C-alpha atoms as a PDB file:
ATOM      1  CA  MET A   1     118.208 136.513  75.536  1.00  0.00           C
ATOM      2  CA  LYS A   2     120.962 139.255  76.060  1.00  0.00           C
ATOM      3  CA  ILE A   3     122.458 142.655  74.828  1.00  0.00           C
ATOM      4  CA  SER A   4     126.215 142.403  74.361  1.00  0.00           C
ATOM      5  CA  SER A   5     127.057 146.028  73.662  1.00  0.00           C
ATOM      6  CA  LEU A   6     125.295 149.402  74.102  1.00  0.00           C
ATOM      7  CA  TYR A   7     126.335 152.786  72.090  1.00  0.00           C
ATOM      8  CA  ILE A   8     124.534 156.011  73.393  1.00  0.00           C
ATOM      9  CA  THR A   9     124.787 159.642  71.976  1.00  0.00           C
ATOM     10  CA  ASN A  10     123.116 162.566  73.377  1.00  0.00           C
ATOM     11  CA  TYR A  11     120.433 160.498  75.420  1.00  0.00           C
ATOM     12  CA  LYS A  12     119.350 162.585  78.371  1.00  0.00           C
ATOM     13  CA  ASN A  13     122.494 163.326  80.206  1.00  0.00           C
ATOM     14  CA  LEU A  14     124.547 160.687  78.268  1.00  0.00           C
ATOM     15  CA  GLY A  15     126.760 162.409  75.841  1.00  0.00           C
ATOM     16  CA  ALA A  16     128.794 159.454  74.023  1.00  0.00           C
ATOM     17  CA  GLU A  17     128.921 156.080  75.956  1.00  0.00           C
ATOM     18  CA  LYS A  18     129.875 152.580  75.166  1.00  0.00           C
ATOM     19  CA  PHE A  19     129.353 149.570  76.958  1.00  0.00           C
ATOM     20  CA  ASN A  20     129.996 146.129  76.965  1.00  0.00           C
ATOM     21  CA  PHE A  21     128.108 143.785  79.110  1.00  0.00           C
ATOM     22  CA  ASN A  22     128.360 140.579  81.259  1.00  0.00           C
ATOM     23  CA  GLU A  23     126.220 137.900  79.995  1.00  0.00           C
ATOM     24  CA  LYS A  24     124.704 137.628  83.438  1.00  0.00           C
ATOM     25  CA  ILE A  25     124.542 140.444  85.916  1.00  0.00           C
ATOM     26  CA  ASN A  26     125.757 144.044  85.142  1.00  0.00           C
ATOM     27  CA  CYS A  27     125.720 146.513  88.264  1.00  0.00           C
ATOM     28  CA  LEU A  28     125.466 150.450  87.590  1.00  0.00           C
ATOM     29  CA  ILE A  29     126.660 152.080  90.856  1.00  0.00           C
ATOM     30  CA  GLY A  30     126.709 155.588  91.524  1.00  0.00           C
ATOM     31  CA  ARG A  31     125.305 158.765  93.449  1.00  0.00           C
ATOM     32  CA  ASN A  32     121.798 159.671  92.284  1.00  0.00           C
ATOM     33  CA  GLY A  33     121.691 161.964  89.102  1.00  0.00           C
ATOM     34  CA  VAL A  34     124.967 160.313  87.348  1.00  0.00           C
ATOM     35  CA  GLY A  35     122.888 158.657  84.469  1.00  0.00           C
ATOM     36  CA  LYS A  36     122.471 155.185  85.967  1.00  0.00           C
ATOM     37  CA  SER A  37     118.730 154.948  85.171  1.00  0.00           C
ATOM     38  CA  ASN A  38     119.291 156.548  81.749  1.00  0.00           C
ATOM     39  CA  VAL A  39     121.333 153.760  80.853  1.00  0.00           C
ATOM     40  CA  LEU A  40     118.466 151.302  81.827  1.00  0.00           C
ATOM     41  CA  ASP A  41     116.114 153.406  80.063  1.00  0.00           C
ATOM     42  CA  SER A  42     118.111 153.313  76.580  1.00  0.00           C
ATOM     43  CA  ILE A  43     118.087 149.660  76.871  1.00  0.00           C
ATOM     44  CA  TYR A  44     114.278 149.432  77.574  1.00  0.00           C
ATOM     45  CA  HIS A  45     113.964 152.300  74.570  1.00  0.00           C
ATOM     46  CA  LEU A  46     115.706 149.644  72.192  1.00  0.00           C
ATOM     47  CA  CYS A  47     113.176 146.735  73.433  1.00  0.00           C
ATOM     48  CA  PHE A  48     109.837 148.572  73.297  1.00  0.00           C
ATOM     49  CA  GLY A  49     110.633 151.910  70.871  1.00  0.00           C
ATOM     50  CA  LYS A  50     109.834 154.390  73.766  1.00  0.00           C
ATOM     51  CA  GLY A  51     111.463 155.312  77.210  1.00  0.00           C
ATOM     52  CA  TYR A  52     110.033 153.771  80.358  1.00  0.00           C
ATOM     53  CA  PHE A  53     110.488 156.994  82.341  1.00  0.00           C
ATOM     54  CA  ASN A  54     109.469 159.669  79.249  1.00  0.00           C
ATOM     55  CA  LYS A  55     107.417 158.104  76.674  1.00  0.00           C
ATOM     56  CA  ASN A  56     107.979 161.360  74.636  1.00  0.00           C
ATOM     57  CA  SER A  57     111.125 160.147  72.683  1.00  0.00           C
ATOM     58  CA  SER A  58     112.022 163.725  71.425  1.00  0.00           C
ATOM     59  CA  GLN A  59     112.382 164.937  75.224  1.00  0.00           C
ATOM     60  CA  ASN A  60     114.952 162.402  75.640  1.00  0.00           C
ATOM     61  CA  ILE A  61     117.075 164.452  73.386  1.00  0.00           C
ATOM     62  CA  GLN A  62     120.156 165.601  75.427  1.00  0.00           C
ATOM     63  CA  PHE A  63     120.000 169.304  76.357  1.00  0.00           C
ATOM     64  CA  GLY A  64     121.421 171.629  73.874  1.00  0.00           C
ATOM     65  CA  LYS A  65     121.514 168.943  71.164  1.00  0.00           C
ATOM     66  CA  ASN A  66     118.750 168.058  68.445  1.00  0.00           C
ATOM     67  CA  PHE A  67     119.168 164.394  68.194  1.00  0.00           C
ATOM     68  CA  PHE A  68     119.692 161.140  69.903  1.00  0.00           C
ATOM     69  CA  VAL A  69     120.825 157.491  68.743  1.00  0.00           C
ATOM     70  CA  ILE A  70     121.034 154.462  70.634  1.00  0.00           C
ATOM     71  CA  GLU A  71     122.303 151.275  69.233  1.00  0.00           C
ATOM     72  CA  GLY A  72     122.710 147.969  70.970  1.00  0.00           C
ATOM     73  CA  ILE A  73     123.971 144.224  69.758  1.00  0.00           C
ATOM     74  CA  PHE A  74     121.297 141.706  70.981  1.00  0.00           C
ATOM     75  CA  GLU A  75     121.599 137.985  71.002  1.00  0.00           C
ATOM     76  CA  LYS A  76     118.611 136.115  70.842  1.00  0.00           C
ATOM     77  CA  ASN A  77     118.212 132.455  69.998  1.00  0.00           C
ATOM     78  CA  GLN A  78     121.753 132.027  69.155  1.00  0.00           C
ATOM     79  CA  LYS A  79     121.206 134.847  66.339  1.00  0.00           C
ATOM     80  CA  LYS A  80     122.789 138.244  66.748  1.00  0.00           C
ATOM     81  CA  PHE A  81     120.481 141.405  65.720  1.00  0.00           C
ATOM     82  CA  LYS A  82     121.667 145.167  65.294  1.00  0.00           C
ATOM     83  CA  ILE A  83     118.716 147.399  66.933  1.00  0.00           C
ATOM     84  CA  ASN A  84     119.037 150.997  66.224  1.00  0.00           C
ATOM     85  CA  CYS A  85     116.803 153.837  67.565  1.00  0.00           C
ATOM     86  CA  SER A  86     117.158 157.205  66.557  1.00  0.00           C
ATOM     87  CA  ILE A  87     115.073 160.551  66.421  1.00  0.00           C
ATOM     88  CA  LYS A  88     115.943 164.191  65.288  1.00  0.00           C
ATOM     89  CA  LYS A  89     113.913 167.252  66.668  1.00  0.00           C
ATOM     90  CA  GLY A  90     111.006 167.899  64.121  1.00  0.00           C
ATOM     91  CA  THR A  91     111.141 164.579  62.624  1.00  0.00           C
ATOM     92  CA  LYS A  92     109.637 161.145  63.117  1.00  0.00           C
ATOM     93  CA  LYS A  93     111.467 158.455  65.289  1.00  0.00           C
ATOM     94  CA  VAL A  94     113.329 155.756  63.325  1.00  0.00           C
ATOM     95  CA  ILE A  95     113.908 152.343  64.535  1.00  0.00           C
ATOM     96  CA  LYS A  96     116.055 149.911  62.490  1.00  0.00           C
ATOM     97  CA  LYS A  97     116.552 145.900  63.119  1.00  0.00           C
ATOM     98  CA  ASN A  98     119.627 145.129  61.350  1.00  0.00           C
ATOM     99  CA  SER A  99     119.814 148.463  59.366  1.00  0.00           C
ATOM    100  CA  LYS A 100     116.393 147.960  58.254  1.00  0.00           C
ATOM    101  CA  LYS A 101     113.714 150.307  59.142  1.00  0.00           C
ATOM    102  CA  TYR A 102     110.283 149.360  60.692  1.00  0.00           C
ATOM    103  CA  ASN A 103     107.199 150.700  58.707  1.00  0.00           C
ATOM    104  CA  LYS A 104     105.543 150.532  62.200  1.00  0.00           C
ATOM    105  CA  ILE A 105     106.954 150.879  65.913  1.00  0.00           C
ATOM    106  CA  SER A 106     104.264 148.253  66.986  1.00  0.00           C
ATOM    107  CA  ASP A 107     105.734 145.427  64.851  1.00  0.00           C
ATOM    108  CA  HIS A 108     108.888 145.467  67.066  1.00  0.00           C
ATOM    109  CA  ILE A 109     107.038 145.194  70.213  1.00  0.00           C
ATOM    110  CA  GLY A 110     107.598 141.545  71.533  1.00  0.00           C
ATOM    111  CA  PHE A 111     110.435 140.861  69.718  1.00  0.00           C
ATOM    112  CA  LEU A 112     112.976 141.845  72.514  1.00  0.00           C
ATOM    113  CA  PRO A 113     111.321 140.692  75.804  1.00  0.00           C
ATOM    114  CA  LEU A 114     112.354 142.813  78.713  1.00  0.00           C
ATOM    115  CA  VAL A 115     111.066 143.417  82.186  1.00  0.00           C
ATOM    116  CA  ILE A 116     111.706 146.592  84.277  1.00  0.00           C
ATOM    117  CA  ILE A 117     111.440 147.057  88.100  1.00  0.00           C
ATOM    118  CA  SER A 118     111.674 150.337  89.241  1.00  0.00           C
ATOM    119  CA  PRO A 119     110.438 153.057  91.716  1.00  0.00           C
ATOM    120  CA  LEU A 120     107.793 154.228  89.165  1.00  0.00           C
ATOM    121  CA  ASP A 121     106.015 150.959  89.783  1.00  0.00           C
ATOM    122  CA  ARG A 122     104.408 152.295  92.894  1.00  0.00           C
ATOM    123  CA  ASP A 123     102.178 154.131  90.374  1.00  0.00           C
ATOM    124  CA  LEU A 124     100.610 150.526  89.856  1.00  0.00           C
ATOM    125  CA  ILE A 125      99.168 150.788  93.639  1.00  0.00           C
ATOM    126  CA  TYR A 126      98.765 154.589  94.194  1.00  0.00           C
ATOM    127  CA  GLU A 127      97.490 155.903  90.748  1.00  0.00           C
ATOM    128  CA  GLY A 128      94.321 155.417  88.350  1.00  0.00           C
ATOM    129  CA  SER A 129      93.212 152.021  86.997  1.00  0.00           C
ATOM    130  CA  ASP A 130      94.673 152.945  83.442  1.00  0.00           C
ATOM    131  CA  PHE A 131      98.116 152.377  85.006  1.00  0.00           C
ATOM    132  CA  ARG A 132      97.036 148.826  86.010  1.00  0.00           C
ATOM    133  CA  ARG A 133      95.444 148.155  82.977  1.00  0.00           C
ATOM    134  CA  ARG A 134      98.451 149.340  81.109  1.00  0.00           C
ATOM    135  CA  PHE A 135     100.501 146.792  82.960  1.00  0.00           C
ATOM    136  CA  ILE A 136      98.500 143.672  82.008  1.00  0.00           C
ATOM    137  CA  ASP A 137      98.090 144.922  78.554  1.00  0.00           C
ATOM    138  CA  GLY A 138     101.896 145.299  78.186  1.00  0.00           C
ATOM    139  CA  ILE A 139     102.276 141.864  79.154  1.00  0.00           C
ATOM    140  CA  ILE A 140     100.033 140.349  76.681  1.00  0.00           C
ATOM    141  CA  SER A 141     100.989 142.460  74.030  1.00  0.00           C
ATOM    142  CA  GLN A 142     104.561 141.044  74.248  1.00  0.00           C
ATOM    143  CA  ILE A 143     103.397 137.683  73.290  1.00  0.00           C
ATOM    144  CA  ASN A 144     100.228 138.103  71.306  1.00  0.00           C
ATOM    145  CA  LYS A 145     100.431 140.463  68.368  1.00  0.00           C
ATOM    146  CA  ASN A 146      96.707 140.085  67.309  1.00  0.00           C
ATOM    147  CA  TYR A 147      95.903 141.386  71.236  1.00  0.00           C
ATOM    148  CA  LEU A 148      97.946 144.483  70.640  1.00  0.00           C
ATOM    149  CA  ASN A 149      96.423 145.285  67.381  1.00  0.00           C
ATOM    150  CA  SER A 150      93.018 145.045  68.627  1.00  0.00           C
ATOM    151  CA  LEU A 151      93.905 147.421  71.432  1.00  0.00           C
ATOM    152  CA  LEU A 152      95.658 149.963  69.329  1.00  0.00           C
ATOM    153  CA  ASN A 153      92.280 149.707  66.930  1.00  0.00           C
ATOM    154  CA  TYR A 154      90.153 149.757  70.134  1.00  0.00           C
ATOM    155  CA  ASN A 155      91.669 153.013  71.348  1.00  0.00           C
ATOM    156  CA  LYS A 156      91.526 154.556  67.860  1.00  0.00           C
ATOM    157  CA  ILE A 157      87.900 153.760  67.763  1.00  0.00           C
ATOM    158  CA  LEU A 158      87.258 155.106  71.273  1.00  0.00           C
ATOM    159  CA  ILE A 159      88.770 158.568  70.335  1.00  0.00           C
ATOM    160  CA  GLN A 160      86.587 158.751  67.414  1.00  0.00           C
ATOM    161  CA  ARG A 161      83.498 158.031  69.210  1.00  0.00           C
ATOM    162  CA  ASN A 162      84.292 160.624  71.964  1.00  0.00           C
ATOM    163  CA  ALA A 163      84.948 163.035  69.009  1.00  0.00           C
ATOM    164  CA  LEU A 164      81.515 162.261  67.765  1.00  0.00           C
ATOM    165  CA  LEU A 165      79.998 162.517  71.142  1.00  0.00           C
ATOM    166  CA  LYS A 166      81.422 166.126  71.486  1.00  0.00           C
ATOM    167  CA  TYR A 167      80.284 167.218  68.145  1.00  0.00           C
ATOM    168  CA  PHE A 168      76.866 165.907  69.067  1.00  0.00           C
ATOM    169  CA  TYR A 169      77.161 168.044  72.382  1.00  0.00           C
ATOM    170  CA  ILE A 170      78.412 171.424  70.774  1.00  0.00           C
ATOM    171  CA  ASN A 171      76.394 171.334  67.643  1.00  0.00           C
ATOM    172  CA  LYS A 172      73.102 170.042  69.513  1.00  0.00           C
ATOM    173  CA  LYS A 173      72.389 167.268  67.437  1.00  0.00           C
ATOM    174  CA  PHE A 174      72.226 163.813  67.652  1.00  0.00           C
ATOM    175  CA  ASN A 175      72.642 160.771  65.356  1.00  0.00           C
ATOM    176  CA  LEU A 176      71.991 157.342  67.061  1.00  0.00           C
ATOM    177  CA  GLU A 177      72.837 155.291  63.433  1.00  0.00           C
ATOM    178  CA  ALA A 178      76.187 157.132  63.550  1.00  0.00           C
ATOM    179  CA  LEU A 179      76.991 156.077  67.144  1.00  0.00           C
ATOM    180  CA  LEU A 180      75.781 152.808  66.837  1.00  0.00           C
ATOM    181  CA  THR A 181      78.621 151.964  63.982  1.00  0.00           C
ATOM    182  CA  TYR A 182      81.122 152.985  66.628  1.00  0.00           C
ATOM    183  CA  ASN A 183      79.489 150.604  69.100  1.00  0.00           C
ATOM    184  CA  HIS A 184      79.536 147.814  66.778  1.00  0.00           C
ATOM    185  CA  GLN A 185      83.139 148.300  66.305  1.00  0.00           C
ATOM    186  CA  LEU A 186      83.990 148.701  69.906  1.00  0.00           C
ATOM    187  CA  GLU A 187      82.267 145.411  70.773  1.00  0.00           C
ATOM    188  CA  ILE A 188      84.044 143.383  68.088  1.00  0.00           C
ATOM    189  CA  LEU A 189      87.385 144.496  69.139  1.00  0.00           C
ATOM    190  CA  GLY A 190      86.672 144.739  73.000  1.00  0.00           C
ATOM    191  CA  ASN A 191      84.923 141.253  73.674  1.00  0.00           C
ATOM    192  CA  PRO A 192      88.227 139.468  72.620  1.00  0.00           C
ATOM    193  CA  ILE A 193      90.310 141.879  74.760  1.00  0.00           C
ATOM    194  CA  PHE A 194      88.278 141.069  77.737  1.00  0.00           C
ATOM    195  CA  GLU A 195      88.430 137.453  77.070  1.00  0.00           C
ATOM    196  CA  GLU A 196      92.026 137.532  76.846  1.00  0.00           C
ATOM    197  CA  ARG A 197      92.445 139.562  79.913  1.00  0.00           C
ATOM    198  CA  LYS A 198      90.368 137.123  81.875  1.00  0.00           C
ATOM    199  CA  LYS A 199      92.354 134.095  80.649  1.00  0.00           C
ATOM    200  CA  PHE A 200      95.908 135.824  81.166  1.00  0.00           C
ATOM    201  CA  LEU A 201      95.031 136.819  84.822  1.00  0.00           C
ATOM    202  CA  GLU A 202      93.801 132.854  85.509  1.00  0.00           C
ATOM    203  CA  ILE A 203      97.236 132.062  84.664  1.00  0.00           C
ATOM    204  CA  PHE A 204      99.032 135.173  85.864  1.00  0.00           C
ATOM    205  CA  THR A 205      97.571 135.204  89.363  1.00  0.00           C
ATOM    206  CA  PRO A 206      98.929 131.797  90.699  1.00  0.00           C
ATOM    207  CA  ILE A 207     102.447 132.764  89.604  1.00  0.00           C
ATOM    208  CA  PHE A 208     102.368 136.069  91.462  1.00  0.00           C
ATOM    209  CA  ASN A 209     101.041 134.716  94.561  1.00  0.00           C
ATOM    210  CA  ASN A 210     103.834 132.166  94.468  1.00  0.00           C
ATOM    211  CA  LYS A 211     106.451 134.790  93.775  1.00  0.00           C
ATOM    212  CA  TYR A 212     105.044 137.092  96.611  1.00  0.00           C
ATOM    213  CA  LYS A 213     105.627 134.150  99.182  1.00  0.00           C
ATOM    214  CA  ARG A 214     109.061 133.497  98.282  1.00  0.00           C
ATOM    215  CA  ILE A 215     110.111 137.497  98.155  1.00  0.00           C
ATOM    216  CA  SER A 216     108.336 138.232 101.467  1.00  0.00           C
ATOM    217  CA  ASN A 217     109.064 134.889 103.174  1.00  0.00           C
ATOM    218  CA  SER A 218     105.995 135.168 104.908  1.00  0.00           C
ATOM    219  CA  SER A 219     102.292 133.884 105.179  1.00  0.00           C
ATOM    220  CA  GLU A 220     100.354 136.637 103.803  1.00  0.00           C
ATOM    221  CA  ASN A 221      97.884 136.153 101.566  1.00  0.00           C
ATOM    222  CA  VAL A 222      97.827 138.533  98.388  1.00  0.00           C
ATOM    223  CA  SER A 223      95.195 138.839  95.561  1.00  0.00           C
ATOM    224  CA  ILE A 224      94.789 140.350  91.924  1.00  0.00           C
ATOM    225  CA  ASN A 225      91.035 140.671  91.558  1.00  0.00           C
ATOM    226  CA  TYR A 226      89.684 141.676  88.158  1.00  0.00           C
ATOM    227  CA  ASP A 227      86.389 143.912  87.486  1.00  0.00           C
ATOM    228  CA  SER A 228      84.804 144.517  84.525  1.00  0.00           C
ATOM    229  CA  SER A 229      81.538 145.256  83.503  1.00  0.00           C
ATOM    230  CA  LEU A 230      81.587 142.790  80.754  1.00  0.00           C
ATOM    231  CA  LYS A 231      81.504 140.245  83.626  1.00  0.00           C
ATOM    232  CA  SER A 232      77.701 140.906  84.100  1.00  0.00           C
ATOM    233  CA  GLU A 233      76.227 142.358  80.726  1.00  0.00           C
ATOM    234  CA  SER A 234      77.292 142.281  77.122  1.00  0.00           C
ATOM    235  CA  PHE A 235      79.233 145.133  75.704  1.00  0.00           C
ATOM    236  CA  SER A 236      76.090 146.560  73.522  1.00  0.00           C
ATOM    237  CA  LYS A 237      73.851 146.530  76.578  1.00  0.00           C
ATOM    238  CA  ILE A 238      76.351 148.293  78.603  1.00  0.00           C
ATOM    239  CA  LEU A 239      76.840 150.811  75.849  1.00  0.00           C
ATOM    240  CA  SER A 240      73.259 151.432  75.467  1.00  0.00           C
ATOM    241  CA  SER A 241      72.329 151.786  79.126  1.00  0.00           C
ATOM    242  CA  ASN A 242      75.092 154.448  79.421  1.00  0.00           C
ATOM    243  CA  LEU A 243      74.126 156.234  76.411  1.00  0.00           C
ATOM    244  CA  GLU A 244      72.602 159.372  77.997  1.00  0.00           C
ATOM    245  CA  LYS A 245      75.404 159.635  80.638  1.00  0.00           C
ATOM    246  CA  ASP A 246      77.693 159.521  77.427  1.00  0.00           C
ATOM    247  CA  LYS A 247      76.066 162.314  75.745  1.00  0.00           C
ATOM    248  CA  LYS A 248      76.160 164.384  78.756  1.00  0.00           C
ATOM    249  CA  THR A 249      79.945 163.777  79.668  1.00  0.00           C
ATOM    250  CA  GLN A 250      80.822 163.865  75.703  1.00  0.00           C
ATOM    251  CA  TYR A 251      82.878 160.518  76.899  1.00  0.00           C
ATOM    252  CA  THR A 252      82.549 156.697  76.464  1.00  0.00           C
ATOM    253  CA  ASN A 253      81.829 155.777  80.198  1.00  0.00           C
ATOM    254  CA  SER A 254      81.846 152.162  79.743  1.00  0.00           C
ATOM    255  CA  GLY A 255      83.552 149.152  78.146  1.00  0.00           C
ATOM    256  CA  ILE A 256      86.999 147.443  78.516  1.00  0.00           C
ATOM    257  CA  HIS A 257      89.034 150.936  78.643  1.00  0.00           C
ATOM    258  CA  LYS A 258      87.160 151.065  82.153  1.00  0.00           C
ATOM    259  CA  ASP A 259      88.415 147.569  83.655  1.00  0.00           C
ATOM    260  CA  GLU A 260      89.964 147.619  86.862  1.00  0.00           C
ATOM    261  CA  LEU A 261      92.673 145.772  88.854  1.00  0.00           C
ATOM    262  CA  PHE A 262      92.087 145.350  92.970  1.00  0.00           C
ATOM    263  CA  PHE A 263      95.600 144.820  94.794  1.00  0.00           C
ATOM    264  CA  LYS A 264      95.057 143.175  97.686  1.00  0.00           C
ATOM    265  CA  ILE A 265      96.878 141.793 100.925  1.00  0.00           C
ATOM    266  CA  ASN A 266      94.702 139.480 103.823  1.00  0.00           C
ATOM    267  CA  ASP A 267      91.585 140.551 101.733  1.00  0.00           C
ATOM    268  CA  ASN A 268      92.452 144.424 102.289  1.00  0.00           C
ATOM    269  CA  SER A 269      93.583 147.120  99.950  1.00  0.00           C
ATOM    270  CA  ILE A 270      97.451 147.137  99.673  1.00  0.00           C
ATOM    271  CA  LYS A 271      97.155 150.738  98.935  1.00  0.00           C
ATOM    272  CA  ARG A 272      95.597 151.265 102.044  1.00  0.00           C
ATOM    273  CA  PHE A 273      96.835 148.430 104.590  1.00  0.00           C
ATOM    274  CA  GLY A 274     100.068 147.483 103.289  1.00  0.00           C
ATOM    275  CA  SER A 275     103.109 148.490 104.832  1.00  0.00           C
ATOM    276  CA  GLN A 276     106.061 150.095 102.589  1.00  0.00           C
ATOM    277  CA  GLY A 277     108.088 146.903 102.765  1.00  0.00           C
ATOM    278  CA  GLN A 278     104.798 144.800 101.628  1.00  0.00           C
ATOM    279  CA  GLN A 279     103.942 147.062  99.066  1.00  0.00           C
ATOM    280  CA  LYS A 280     107.511 146.838  97.571  1.00  0.00           C
ATOM    281  CA  SER A 281     107.682 143.237  97.690  1.00  0.00           C
ATOM    282  CA  PHE A 282     104.053 143.041  96.072  1.00  0.00           C
ATOM    283  CA  LEU A 283     105.272 145.108  92.965  1.00  0.00           C
ATOM    284  CA  ILE A 284     108.593 143.323  92.940  1.00  0.00           C
ATOM    285  CA  ALA A 285     106.625 139.915  92.799  1.00  0.00           C
ATOM    286  CA  LEU A 286     104.076 141.506  89.997  1.00  0.00           C
ATOM    287  CA  LYS A 287     107.273 142.040  87.773  1.00  0.00           C
ATOM    288  CA  MET A 288     108.871 138.804  88.754  1.00  0.00           C
ATOM    289  CA  ALA A 289     105.398 137.005  87.689  1.00  0.00           C
ATOM    290  CA  GLN A 290     105.548 139.096  84.482  1.00  0.00           C
ATOM    291  CA  PHE A 291     109.163 137.745  83.699  1.00  0.00           C
ATOM    292  CA  GLU A 292     108.268 133.993  84.406  1.00  0.00           C
ATOM    293  CA  PHE A 293     104.912 134.369  82.390  1.00  0.00           C
ATOM    294  CA  ILE A 294     106.580 135.739  79.255  1.00  0.00           C
ATOM    295  CA  LYS A 295     109.618 133.081  79.651  1.00  0.00           C
ATOM    296  CA  ASN A 296     107.173 130.488  79.669  1.00  0.00           C
ATOM    297  CA  LYS A 297     105.029 131.823  76.555  1.00  0.00           C
ATOM    298  CA  THR A 298     108.165 132.625  74.377  1.00  0.00           C
ATOM    299  CA  LYS A 299     110.544 130.185  75.411  1.00  0.00           C
ATOM    300  CA  VAL A 300     112.986 133.445  75.904  1.00  0.00           C
ATOM    301  CA  SER A 301     114.501 134.747  79.088  1.00  0.00           C
ATOM    302  CA  PRO A 302     113.540 138.519  79.110  1.00  0.00           C
ATOM    303  CA  ILE A 303     116.354 140.921  79.934  1.00  0.00           C
ATOM    304  CA  LEU A 304     115.854 142.031  83.664  1.00  0.00           C
ATOM    305  CA  LEU A 305     116.203 145.780  84.703  1.00  0.00           C
ATOM    306  CA  LEU A 306     116.270 146.266  88.303  1.00  0.00           C
ATOM    307  CA  ASP A 307     116.479 150.123  88.951  1.00  0.00           C
ATOM    308  CA  ASP A 308     116.929 151.079  92.416  1.00  0.00           C
ATOM    309  CA  ILE A 309     114.783 148.534  93.916  1.00  0.00           C
ATOM    310  CA  PHE A 310     116.613 147.846  96.942  1.00  0.00           C
ATOM    311  CA  ASP A 311     115.806 150.989  98.633  1.00  0.00           C
ATOM    312  CA  LYS A 312     113.902 150.553 101.639  1.00  0.00           C
ATOM    313  CA  LEU A 313     114.469 146.908 101.913  1.00  0.00           C
ATOM    314  CA  ASP A 314     116.711 145.559 104.412  1.00  0.00           C
ATOM    315  CA  GLN A 315     119.552 143.328 103.293  1.00  0.00           C
ATOM    316  CA  LYS A 316     118.148 139.843 103.968  1.00  0.00           C
ATOM    317  CA  ARG A 317     115.224 140.604 101.545  1.00  0.00           C
ATOM    318  CA  VAL A 318     117.800 142.112  98.841  1.00  0.00           C
ATOM    319  CA  GLU A 319     119.538 138.685  99.073  1.00  0.00           C
ATOM    320  CA  LEU A 320     116.322 136.782  98.977  1.00  0.00           C
ATOM    321  CA  ILE A 321     115.380 138.694  95.541  1.00  0.00           C
ATOM    322  CA  ILE A 322     119.023 137.729  94.184  1.00  0.00           C
ATOM    323  CA  GLN A 323     118.948 134.332  95.103  1.00  0.00           C
ATOM    324  CA  LEU A 324     115.409 134.106  93.625  1.00  0.00           C
ATOM    325  CA  ILE A 325     116.877 135.292  90.183  1.00  0.00           C
ATOM    326  CA  GLU A 326     119.777 132.780  90.362  1.00  0.00           C
ATOM    327  CA  LYS A 327     117.380 129.964  91.145  1.00  0.00           C
ATOM    328  CA  ASN A 328     115.046 130.648  88.442  1.00  0.00           C
ATOM    329  CA  ASN A 329     117.856 131.121  85.777  1.00  0.00           C
ATOM    330  CA  PHE A 330     116.604 134.773  85.049  1.00  0.00           C
ATOM    331  CA  GLY A 331     119.103 135.201  82.059  1.00  0.00           C
ATOM    332  CA  GLN A 332     120.783 138.753  81.694  1.00  0.00           C
ATOM    333  CA  ILE A 333     120.388 141.162  84.744  1.00  0.00           C
ATOM    334  CA  PHE A 334     120.888 144.975  85.109  1.00  0.00           C
ATOM    335  CA  ILE A 335     120.837 146.595  88.413  1.00  0.00           C
ATOM    336  CA  SER A 336     121.046 150.156  89.504  1.00  0.00           C
ATOM    337  CA  ASP A 337     122.068 151.069  92.867  1.00  0.00           C
ATOM    338  CA  THR A 338     123.613 153.845  94.789  1.00  0.00           C
ATOM    339  CA  HIS A 339     125.228 151.517  97.522  1.00  0.00           C
ATOM    340  CA  TYR A 340     128.213 149.678  96.302  1.00  0.00           C
ATOM    341  CA  GLU A 341     128.576 147.402  99.307  1.00  0.00           C
ATOM    342  CA  ARG A 342     124.668 146.568  99.349  1.00  0.00           C
ATOM    343  CA  THR A 343     124.747 145.124  95.864  1.00  0.00           C
ATOM    344  CA  VAL A 344     128.127 143.510  95.645  1.00  0.00           C
ATOM    345  CA  SER A 345     127.226 141.632  99.282  1.00  0.00           C
ATOM    346  CA  ALA A 346     124.136 140.256  97.546  1.00  0.00           C
ATOM    347  CA  ILE A 347     125.496 139.416  94.303  1.00  0.00           C
ATOM    348  CA  LYS A 348     128.333 137.342  96.053  1.00  0.00           C
ATOM    349  CA  THR A 349     125.647 135.283  97.708  1.00  0.00           C
ATOM    350  CA  THR A 350     125.314 133.722  94.165  1.00  0.00           C
ATOM    351  CA  ASN A 351     127.463 131.891  91.782  1.00  0.00           C
ATOM    352  CA  LEU A 352     126.715 134.054  88.635  1.00  0.00           C
ATOM    353  CA  SER A 353     129.259 136.198  87.030  1.00  0.00           C
ATOM    354  CA  TYR A 354     128.839 139.954  87.141  1.00  0.00           C
ATOM    355  CA  LYS A 355     130.525 143.296  86.055  1.00  0.00           C
ATOM    356  CA  ILE A 356     130.574 146.753  87.699  1.00  0.00           C
ATOM    357  CA  PHE A 357     130.115 149.838  85.908  1.00  0.00           C
ATOM    358  CA  ASN A 358     130.941 152.866  88.402  1.00  0.00           C
ATOM    359  CA  LEU A 359     128.930 155.910  87.362  1.00  0.00           C
ATOM    360  CA  PRO A 360     130.110 158.645  86.371  1.00  0.00           C
ATOM    361  CA  THR A 361     133.731 157.229  85.487  1.00  0.00           C
ATOM    362  CA  LEU A 362     132.185 154.118  83.679  1.00  0.00           C
ATOM    363  CA  GLU A 363     135.038 152.003  84.249  1.00  0.00           C
END
């Protein structure tokens, strides 16, 4: 899959720009703040219906303007598709495929597979468990529409159950029968999500281990450990045993929305014991594994966005990553970087065609 052309109007700091892309490698080079990441983010926006760096679409409208429009021409399975994403202040976002509006944005998820690697990925290591859950949920949702719908419905029921708990607390009353109705719905939706996450990680983890070894060129052992309360008890029992705590906190303290992933290197926390280079290699390996998993499942090569990932990596490791991309036939790749020489010298170690965009001149 690839995007052949991109049209941007009033998106972040990009006023009116047009790009015609190379089918293999596209490099956006320029100093910080000129809009390299915004070009990548606009491609991400077309694929997922939201930005990667700011999920609130209205906040991506250029300052002083009241709308943005992004349009891309994509090629998938030898067919062309025009995807248009637009929003005007005070109105709902609109996404169209070949000029036909989607009724639900979730229907678009998975149609245009894409993987992004960016400095924000460090949140997967340093932030809370919800970041890591969203990572695996995002991968599974691209290839499993039922999983995505179950997850969306689960989160809706969770919000409603929490609202009910708050109502009980404020009004000093309690209705167990009403709460059990939500418990039952969470159980019906949550159990398949738990099973799908387990199944996913059984396949994904070996792919990730292999990618890390090839990127780091070392013998370090890395692992992803999945922890869920559903491993030891049924969903209904977990909700029942946490009832008093839920009533006090006005929040659902147990369930698949509390699942955790532990990232380790040599059996130790990558957050506490991993060097900066090891952590960066760990995150890049996660995303490379994401790419391979989606490609294997969909038989389509996702677009790969590499946003400023070469910073704090030595030239040898940069070249290893580029060579890994070439050997695994990654399809279309976008690279943003501040160092022209670093990027070009790494690309020249491959036999892939490429195109350089010097921002802000956009030549």
